[in-house]
Amino acid sequence: MCQTLICICCDLIFFKVSDMNITKLSIITKLYIPPNYPSTLYKRSYATTKSFIRPRLFTQQIVLTNGATYTLRTTSPKPRIKLIKDTRNHPLWNPSQLSQALDDDSGQLSKFIKKFGDEEYDLEFMESDENLPDLTSNDMKSSVFCASME
């Protein structure tokens, strides 16, 4: 009778673990044995639910900036992605577009112009042919000393 009690308890434990859908769960169960049985019995049981080996793949539609679309299989569940930059309009892929105009997609350039104004700065001193005075060694030492003090 004692042996059947142990087996029934073990079956219930296996049933509970498989109901919870837990993968590779190791449990140690302590079974109650009547007092006339010599010692307490420990039983280790494992769940037999198999885990997924491969991730689920979804079909995804990619929309390029010119309206062209293509589909691919990916693990991302989003069904559609609309690109704002691709190889046709990105400056790294098309260096000729880089020199045409400044890109203000994020609005940072317009914030800067609003804050500081759209002014033309005087850079004529860089283009002038005037010779700058030559620096002597004393001037060099004093400029290095001043730079290190700051």
N, C-alpha and C. Protein backbone atom coordinates (compact mmCIF):
# COMPACT_ATOMS: atom_id res chain seq x y z
N MET A 1 0.82 -1.19 0.00
CA MET A 1 0.00 0.00 0.00
C MET A 1 0.87 1.25 0.00
N CYS A 2 1.93 1.17 0.70
CA CYS A 2 2.83 2.32 0.77
C CYS A 2 3.44 2.62 -0.60
N GLN A 3 3.78 1.59 -1.36
CA GLN A 3 4.37 1.78 -2.68
C GLN A 3 3.36 2.45 -3.63
N THR A 4 2.11 2.07 -3.57
CA THR A 4 1.11 2.67 -4.44
C THR A 4 0.89 4.14 -4.09
N LEU A 5 0.98 4.48 -2.84
CA LEU A 5 0.84 5.88 -2.43
C LEU A 5 1.95 6.73 -3.05
N ILE A 6 3.16 6.22 -3.06
CA ILE A 6 4.29 6.95 -3.65
C ILE A 6 4.09 7.12 -5.15
N CYS A 7 3.67 6.10 -5.83
CA CYS A 7 3.48 6.18 -7.28
C CYS A 7 2.36 7.16 -7.63
N ILE A 8 1.29 7.16 -6.88
CA ILE A 8 0.19 8.09 -7.15
C ILE A 8 0.66 9.52 -6.97
N CYS A 9 1.41 9.78 -5.92
CA CYS A 9 1.93 11.13 -5.71
C CYS A 9 2.85 11.55 -6.84
N CYS A 10 3.69 10.65 -7.31
CA CYS A 10 4.60 10.97 -8.42
C CYS A 10 3.81 11.30 -9.68
N ASP A 11 2.75 10.55 -9.97
CA ASP A 11 1.94 10.83 -11.15
C ASP A 11 1.30 12.20 -11.07
N LEU A 12 0.83 12.57 -9.90
CA LEU A 12 0.24 13.89 -9.74
C LEU A 12 1.27 14.99 -9.96
N ILE A 13 2.47 14.79 -9.50
CA ILE A 13 3.52 15.79 -9.68
C ILE A 13 3.85 15.94 -11.16
N PHE A 14 3.99 14.84 -11.88
CA PHE A 14 4.26 14.92 -13.31
C PHE A 14 3.11 15.62 -14.03
N PHE A 15 1.88 15.35 -13.62
CA PHE A 15 0.72 15.96 -14.25
C PHE A 15 0.73 17.47 -14.03
N LYS A 16 1.02 17.93 -12.84
CA LYS A 16 1.05 19.36 -12.54
C LYS A 16 2.13 20.07 -13.35
N VAL A 17 3.30 19.49 -13.43
CA VAL A 17 4.41 20.12 -14.16
C VAL A 17 4.08 20.22 -15.63
N SER A 18 3.49 19.20 -16.21
CA SER A 18 3.18 19.26 -17.63
C SER A 18 2.03 20.22 -17.91
N ASP A 19 1.15 20.49 -16.94
CA ASP A 19 0.10 21.47 -17.12
C ASP A 19 0.66 22.89 -17.19
N MET A 20 1.74 23.15 -16.49
CA MET A 20 2.29 24.51 -16.44
C MET A 20 3.13 24.84 -17.68
N ASN A 21 3.41 23.87 -18.55
CA ASN A 21 4.20 24.08 -19.76
C ASN A 21 5.56 24.71 -19.47
N ILE A 22 6.25 24.16 -18.53
CA ILE A 22 7.57 24.66 -18.18
C ILE A 22 8.60 23.76 -18.85
N THR A 23 9.59 24.36 -19.49
CA THR A 23 10.59 23.56 -20.18
C THR A 23 11.77 23.28 -19.27
N LYS A 24 12.17 22.04 -19.23
CA LYS A 24 13.35 21.59 -18.49
C LYS A 24 13.39 22.08 -17.05
N LEU A 25 12.29 21.96 -16.38
CA LEU A 25 12.22 22.38 -14.98
C LEU A 25 12.59 21.19 -14.11
N SER A 26 13.50 21.41 -13.20
CA SER A 26 13.92 20.35 -12.30
C SER A 26 13.34 20.63 -10.93
N ILE A 27 12.50 19.74 -10.44
CA ILE A 27 11.91 19.95 -9.13
C ILE A 27 12.27 18.77 -8.24
N ILE A 28 12.48 19.07 -7.02
CA ILE A 28 12.67 18.01 -6.03
C ILE A 28 11.40 17.99 -5.18
N THR A 29 10.74 16.87 -5.16
CA THR A 29 9.49 16.77 -4.42
C THR A 29 9.69 15.89 -3.20
N LYS A 30 9.17 16.33 -2.12
CA LYS A 30 9.23 15.54 -0.89
C LYS A 30 7.86 14.89 -0.70
N LEU A 31 7.85 13.60 -0.72
CA LEU A 31 6.59 12.88 -0.61
C LEU A 31 6.35 12.48 0.84
N TYR A 32 5.11 12.53 1.22
CA TYR A 32 4.77 12.11 2.58
C TYR A 32 4.66 10.59 2.62
N ILE A 33 5.36 10.01 3.54
CA ILE A 33 5.32 8.56 3.73
C ILE A 33 4.76 8.31 5.14
N PRO A 34 3.93 7.33 5.30
CA PRO A 34 3.38 7.04 6.63
C PRO A 34 4.50 6.77 7.65
N PRO A 35 4.22 6.98 8.93
CA PRO A 35 5.25 6.86 9.96
C PRO A 35 5.89 5.49 10.07
N ASN A 36 5.21 4.43 9.64
CA ASN A 36 5.81 3.11 9.76
C ASN A 36 6.86 2.85 8.67
N TYR A 37 6.98 3.73 7.69
CA TYR A 37 8.00 3.59 6.64
C TYR A 37 9.32 4.10 7.20
N PRO A 38 10.46 3.48 6.87
CA PRO A 38 11.71 3.79 7.55
C PRO A 38 12.24 5.21 7.34
N SER A 39 12.15 5.79 6.17
CA SER A 39 12.75 7.11 5.97
C SER A 39 11.92 7.94 4.99
N THR A 40 12.28 9.21 4.88
CA THR A 40 11.62 10.11 3.95
C THR A 40 12.21 9.89 2.56
N LEU A 41 11.38 9.95 1.54
CA LEU A 41 11.82 9.67 0.18
C LEU A 41 11.80 10.96 -0.64
N TYR A 42 12.88 11.23 -1.35
CA TYR A 42 12.94 12.39 -2.25
C TYR A 42 12.91 11.88 -3.68
N LYS A 43 12.17 12.57 -4.52
CA LYS A 43 12.06 12.16 -5.92
C LYS A 43 12.29 13.37 -6.80
N ARG A 44 13.15 13.26 -7.77
CA ARG A 44 13.41 14.34 -8.72
C ARG A 44 12.66 14.03 -10.01
N SER A 45 11.96 15.05 -10.54
CA SER A 45 11.22 14.84 -11.78
C SER A 45 11.52 15.99 -12.75
N TYR A 46 11.45 15.71 -14.02
CA TYR A 46 11.73 16.69 -15.07
C TYR A 46 10.51 16.84 -15.97
N ALA A 47 10.27 18.06 -16.40
CA ALA A 47 9.19 18.29 -17.35
C ALA A 47 9.65 17.84 -18.73
N THR A 48 8.75 17.37 -19.53
CA THR A 48 9.12 16.85 -20.83
C THR A 48 8.67 17.75 -21.97
N THR A 49 8.27 18.98 -21.69
CA THR A 49 7.83 19.89 -22.73
C THR A 49 9.04 20.33 -23.55
N LYS A 50 8.95 20.23 -24.85
CA LYS A 50 10.07 20.57 -25.72
C LYS A 50 10.05 22.07 -26.03
N SER A 51 11.21 22.69 -25.91
CA SER A 51 11.29 24.13 -26.22
C SER A 51 11.43 24.32 -27.73
N PHE A 52 11.15 25.56 -28.19
CA PHE A 52 11.25 25.85 -29.60
C PHE A 52 12.71 25.95 -30.00
N ILE A 53 13.07 25.30 -31.09
CA ILE A 53 14.45 25.32 -31.56
C ILE A 53 14.67 26.51 -32.49
N ARG A 54 13.76 26.73 -33.40
CA ARG A 54 13.89 27.83 -34.36
C ARG A 54 12.91 28.94 -34.02
N PRO A 55 13.32 30.20 -34.20
CA PRO A 55 12.37 31.29 -33.95
C PRO A 55 11.31 31.35 -35.05
N ARG A 56 10.19 31.93 -34.71
CA ARG A 56 9.10 32.07 -35.68
C ARG A 56 9.46 33.16 -36.68
N LEU A 57 9.20 32.92 -37.96
CA LEU A 57 9.49 33.90 -39.01
C LEU A 57 8.19 34.54 -39.48
N PHE A 58 8.26 35.86 -39.71
CA PHE A 58 7.12 36.62 -40.19
C PHE A 58 7.45 37.19 -41.57
N THR A 59 6.42 37.42 -42.36
CA THR A 59 6.60 38.07 -43.66
C THR A 59 6.50 39.58 -43.44
N GLN A 60 7.48 40.31 -43.97
CA GLN A 60 7.53 41.75 -43.75
C GLN A 60 7.68 42.44 -45.11
N GLN A 61 6.92 43.52 -45.29
CA GLN A 61 6.97 44.29 -46.53
C GLN A 61 7.77 45.56 -46.27
N ILE A 62 8.79 45.81 -47.09
CA ILE A 62 9.64 46.98 -46.98
C ILE A 62 9.27 47.94 -48.10
N VAL A 63 8.96 49.20 -47.74
CA VAL A 63 8.61 50.23 -48.72
C VAL A 63 9.77 51.22 -48.79
N LEU A 64 10.38 51.34 -49.97
CA LEU A 64 11.50 52.25 -50.17
C LEU A 64 10.99 53.67 -50.38
N THR A 65 11.91 54.63 -50.44
CA THR A 65 11.51 56.04 -50.57
C THR A 65 10.87 56.35 -51.91
N ASN A 66 11.21 55.60 -52.94
CA ASN A 66 10.60 55.86 -54.25
C ASN A 66 9.30 55.09 -54.45
N GLY A 67 8.83 54.37 -53.43
CA GLY A 67 7.57 53.65 -53.52
C GLY A 67 7.72 52.18 -53.87
N ALA A 68 8.90 51.74 -54.25
CA ALA A 68 9.12 50.34 -54.57
C ALA A 68 9.01 49.50 -53.29
N THR A 69 8.47 48.30 -53.43
CA THR A 69 8.31 47.43 -52.26
C THR A 69 8.94 46.07 -52.54
N TYR A 70 9.37 45.43 -51.47
CA TYR A 70 9.78 44.04 -51.54
C TYR A 70 9.46 43.38 -50.21
N THR A 71 9.32 42.07 -50.23
CA THR A 71 8.99 41.34 -49.02
C THR A 71 10.15 40.44 -48.63
N LEU A 72 10.25 40.20 -47.33
CA LEU A 72 11.27 39.29 -46.83
C LEU A 72 10.76 38.60 -45.59
N ARG A 73 11.42 37.52 -45.21
CA ARG A 73 11.07 36.77 -44.01
C ARG A 73 12.02 37.17 -42.89
N THR A 74 11.47 37.57 -41.74
CA THR A 74 12.28 38.04 -40.64
C THR A 74 11.63 37.65 -39.31
N THR A 75 12.37 37.81 -38.23
CA THR A 75 11.83 37.50 -36.90
C THR A 75 11.07 38.68 -36.30
N SER A 76 11.10 39.84 -36.95
CA SER A 76 10.36 41.01 -36.47
C SER A 76 8.88 40.85 -36.80
N PRO A 77 7.99 41.08 -35.84
CA PRO A 77 6.56 40.88 -36.11
C PRO A 77 5.88 42.03 -36.85
N LYS A 78 6.60 43.15 -37.09
CA LYS A 78 5.97 44.26 -37.81
C LYS A 78 5.69 43.85 -39.25
N PRO A 79 4.46 44.02 -39.73
CA PRO A 79 4.16 43.57 -41.09
C PRO A 79 4.66 44.50 -42.18
N ARG A 80 4.91 45.78 -41.86
CA ARG A 80 5.31 46.74 -42.90
C ARG A 80 6.26 47.77 -42.31
N ILE A 81 7.32 48.08 -43.07
CA ILE A 81 8.28 49.11 -42.67
C ILE A 81 8.43 50.08 -43.83
N LYS A 82 8.25 51.36 -43.53
CA LYS A 82 8.41 52.40 -44.55
C LYS A 82 9.71 53.14 -44.26
N LEU A 83 10.65 53.09 -45.19
CA LEU A 83 11.96 53.69 -45.01
C LEU A 83 11.93 55.16 -45.40
N ILE A 84 12.66 56.00 -44.65
CA ILE A 84 12.81 57.40 -45.03
C ILE A 84 14.19 57.65 -45.63
N LYS A 85 15.11 56.74 -45.41
CA LYS A 85 16.44 56.82 -46.02
C LYS A 85 16.77 55.45 -46.59
N ASP A 86 17.27 55.43 -47.79
CA ASP A 86 17.78 54.19 -48.37
C ASP A 86 18.95 54.53 -49.28
N THR A 87 19.38 53.59 -50.09
CA THR A 87 20.57 53.81 -50.91
C THR A 87 20.36 54.86 -52.00
N ARG A 88 19.12 55.20 -52.29
CA ARG A 88 18.87 56.19 -53.34
C ARG A 88 18.97 57.63 -52.84
N ASN A 89 18.74 57.87 -51.53
CA ASN A 89 18.76 59.25 -51.06
C ASN A 89 19.70 59.48 -49.87
N HIS A 90 20.52 58.52 -49.52
CA HIS A 90 21.45 58.70 -48.40
C HIS A 90 22.76 59.29 -48.93
N PRO A 91 23.29 60.33 -48.27
CA PRO A 91 24.49 60.98 -48.78
C PRO A 91 25.73 60.10 -48.80
N LEU A 92 25.80 59.11 -47.95
CA LEU A 92 26.97 58.24 -47.99
C LEU A 92 26.98 57.35 -49.22
N TRP A 93 25.81 57.00 -49.72
CA TRP A 93 25.73 56.19 -50.92
C TRP A 93 25.78 57.05 -52.18
N ASN A 94 25.41 58.31 -52.06
CA ASN A 94 25.40 59.24 -53.20
C ASN A 94 26.16 60.51 -52.83
N PRO A 95 27.48 60.52 -52.94
CA PRO A 95 28.23 61.70 -52.52
C PRO A 95 27.94 62.94 -53.35
N SER A 96 27.42 62.79 -54.55
CA SER A 96 27.10 63.96 -55.36
C SER A 96 25.96 64.77 -54.74
N GLN A 97 25.06 64.13 -54.02
CA GLN A 97 23.96 64.84 -53.37
C GLN A 97 24.41 65.58 -52.13
N LEU A 98 25.53 65.20 -51.57
CA LEU A 98 26.01 65.82 -50.34
C LEU A 98 26.34 67.29 -50.55
N SER A 99 26.87 67.63 -51.71
CA SER A 99 27.26 69.02 -51.97
C SER A 99 26.10 69.88 -52.47
N GLN A 100 24.97 69.30 -52.82
CA GLN A 100 23.87 70.07 -53.38
C GLN A 100 23.23 70.99 -52.34
N ALA A 101 22.86 70.47 -51.21
CA ALA A 101 22.19 71.30 -50.20
C ALA A 101 22.32 70.63 -48.84
N LEU A 102 22.13 71.43 -47.83
CA LEU A 102 22.14 70.88 -46.48
C LEU A 102 20.81 70.20 -46.20
N ASP A 103 20.87 69.04 -45.61
CA ASP A 103 19.67 68.28 -45.30
C ASP A 103 19.18 68.68 -43.92
N ASP A 104 17.91 69.03 -43.81
CA ASP A 104 17.37 69.43 -42.51
C ASP A 104 16.19 68.52 -42.16
N ASP A 105 16.44 67.21 -42.13
CA ASP A 105 15.37 66.27 -41.80
C ASP A 105 14.94 66.39 -40.35
N SER A 106 15.88 66.59 -39.45
CA SER A 106 15.53 66.61 -38.03
C SER A 106 15.12 67.99 -37.54
N GLY A 107 15.35 69.05 -38.30
CA GLY A 107 14.96 70.39 -37.90
C GLY A 107 16.02 71.11 -37.08
N GLN A 108 17.18 70.51 -36.88
CA GLN A 108 18.22 71.13 -36.08
C GLN A 108 18.79 72.37 -36.77
N LEU A 109 18.92 72.31 -38.10
CA LEU A 109 19.46 73.46 -38.83
C LEU A 109 18.51 74.65 -38.74
N SER A 110 17.21 74.41 -38.85
CA SER A 110 16.25 75.52 -38.75
C SER A 110 16.23 76.12 -37.35
N LYS A 111 16.43 75.30 -36.31
CA LYS A 111 16.52 75.83 -34.94
C LYS A 111 17.74 76.73 -34.79
N PHE A 112 18.86 76.32 -35.38
CA PHE A 112 20.08 77.11 -35.29
C PHE A 112 19.90 78.45 -36.00
N ILE A 113 19.31 78.42 -37.19
CA ILE A 113 19.10 79.66 -37.95
C ILE A 113 18.12 80.57 -37.21
N LYS A 114 17.11 80.00 -36.59
CA LYS A 114 16.14 80.79 -35.84
C LYS A 114 16.80 81.45 -34.63
N LYS A 115 17.72 80.74 -33.98
CA LYS A 115 18.36 81.27 -32.78
C LYS A 115 19.43 82.30 -33.11
N PHE A 116 20.27 82.03 -34.10
CA PHE A 116 21.40 82.89 -34.40
C PHE A 116 21.22 83.73 -35.66
N GLY A 117 20.17 83.49 -36.39
CA GLY A 117 19.92 84.26 -37.60
C GLY A 117 20.68 83.69 -38.78
N ASP A 118 20.21 84.03 -39.96
CA ASP A 118 20.85 83.55 -41.19
C ASP A 118 21.81 84.63 -41.66
N GLU A 119 22.94 84.74 -41.01
CA GLU A 119 23.89 85.81 -41.31
C GLU A 119 25.04 85.28 -42.13
N GLU A 120 25.56 86.17 -42.95
CA GLU A 120 26.79 85.88 -43.67
C GLU A 120 27.94 86.36 -42.82
N TYR A 121 28.84 85.50 -42.50
CA TYR A 121 29.96 85.89 -41.65
C TYR A 121 31.12 86.35 -42.52
N ASP A 122 31.87 87.30 -42.00
CA ASP A 122 32.98 87.90 -42.74
C ASP A 122 34.19 86.97 -42.64
N LEU A 123 34.49 86.31 -43.73
CA LEU A 123 35.65 85.43 -43.77
C LEU A 123 36.70 85.94 -44.75
N GLU A 124 36.66 87.24 -45.03
CA GLU A 124 37.60 87.80 -46.00
C GLU A 124 39.03 87.77 -45.50
N PHE A 125 39.23 87.77 -44.19
CA PHE A 125 40.59 87.78 -43.68
C PHE A 125 41.34 86.52 -44.08
N MET A 126 40.62 85.43 -44.34
CA MET A 126 41.28 84.20 -44.75
C MET A 126 41.71 84.27 -46.21
N GLU A 127 41.01 85.06 -47.01
CA GLU A 127 41.31 85.15 -48.42
C GLU A 127 42.28 86.27 -48.75
N SER A 128 42.57 87.13 -47.79
CA SER A 128 43.43 88.29 -48.08
C SER A 128 44.87 87.84 -48.30
N ASP A 129 45.58 88.64 -49.09
CA ASP A 129 46.97 88.34 -49.41
C ASP A 129 47.95 89.04 -48.49
N GLU A 130 47.43 89.74 -47.50
CA GLU A 130 48.32 90.45 -46.59
C GLU A 130 49.16 89.45 -45.81
N ASN A 131 50.43 89.81 -45.67
CA ASN A 131 51.32 88.94 -44.90
C ASN A 131 51.15 89.22 -43.42
N LEU A 132 51.05 88.18 -42.67
CA LEU A 132 50.98 88.32 -41.24
C LEU A 132 52.40 88.50 -40.71
N PRO A 133 52.55 89.24 -39.62
CA PRO A 133 53.90 89.43 -39.09
C PRO A 133 54.48 88.10 -38.62
N ASP A 134 55.76 87.95 -38.84
CA ASP A 134 56.44 86.73 -38.41
C ASP A 134 56.58 86.72 -36.90
N LEU A 135 56.38 85.57 -36.33
CA LEU A 135 56.52 85.42 -34.89
C LEU A 135 57.97 85.10 -34.54
N THR A 136 58.45 85.73 -33.51
CA THR A 136 59.81 85.44 -33.05
C THR A 136 59.74 84.32 -32.03
N SER A 137 60.90 83.85 -31.63
CA SER A 137 60.93 82.75 -30.66
C SER A 137 60.37 83.18 -29.31
N ASN A 138 60.55 84.47 -28.95
CA ASN A 138 59.98 84.96 -27.68
C ASN A 138 58.46 84.97 -27.73
N ASP A 139 57.92 85.34 -28.89
CA ASP A 139 56.46 85.32 -29.05
C ASP A 139 55.91 83.89 -28.95
N MET A 140 56.65 82.97 -29.54
CA MET A 140 56.21 81.57 -29.51
C MET A 140 56.18 81.05 -28.08
N LYS A 141 57.23 81.38 -27.30
CA LYS A 141 57.30 80.90 -25.92
C LYS A 141 56.17 81.50 -25.09
N SER A 142 55.91 82.77 -25.28
CA SER A 142 54.86 83.40 -24.49
C SER A 142 53.48 82.87 -24.88
N SER A 143 53.26 82.56 -26.17
CA SER A 143 51.96 82.02 -26.57
C SER A 143 51.77 80.60 -26.05
N VAL A 144 52.84 79.82 -26.01
CA VAL A 144 52.74 78.46 -25.46
C VAL A 144 52.49 78.54 -23.96
N PHE A 145 53.16 79.48 -23.29
CA PHE A 145 52.97 79.64 -21.85
C PHE A 145 51.53 80.06 -21.54
N CYS A 146 50.99 80.98 -22.35
CA CYS A 146 49.61 81.44 -22.13
C CYS A 146 48.62 80.32 -22.39
N ALA A 147 48.89 79.52 -23.40
CA ALA A 147 47.97 78.43 -23.72
C ALA A 147 47.99 77.37 -22.61
N SER A 148 49.15 77.14 -22.01
CA SER A 148 49.21 76.13 -20.95
C SER A 148 48.60 76.65 -19.66
N MET A 149 48.54 77.96 -19.47
CA MET A 149 47.94 78.52 -18.26
C MET A 149 46.42 78.44 -18.30
N GLU A 150 45.82 78.41 -19.46
CA GLU A 150 44.36 78.38 -19.59
C GLU A 150 43.85 77.05 -19.35
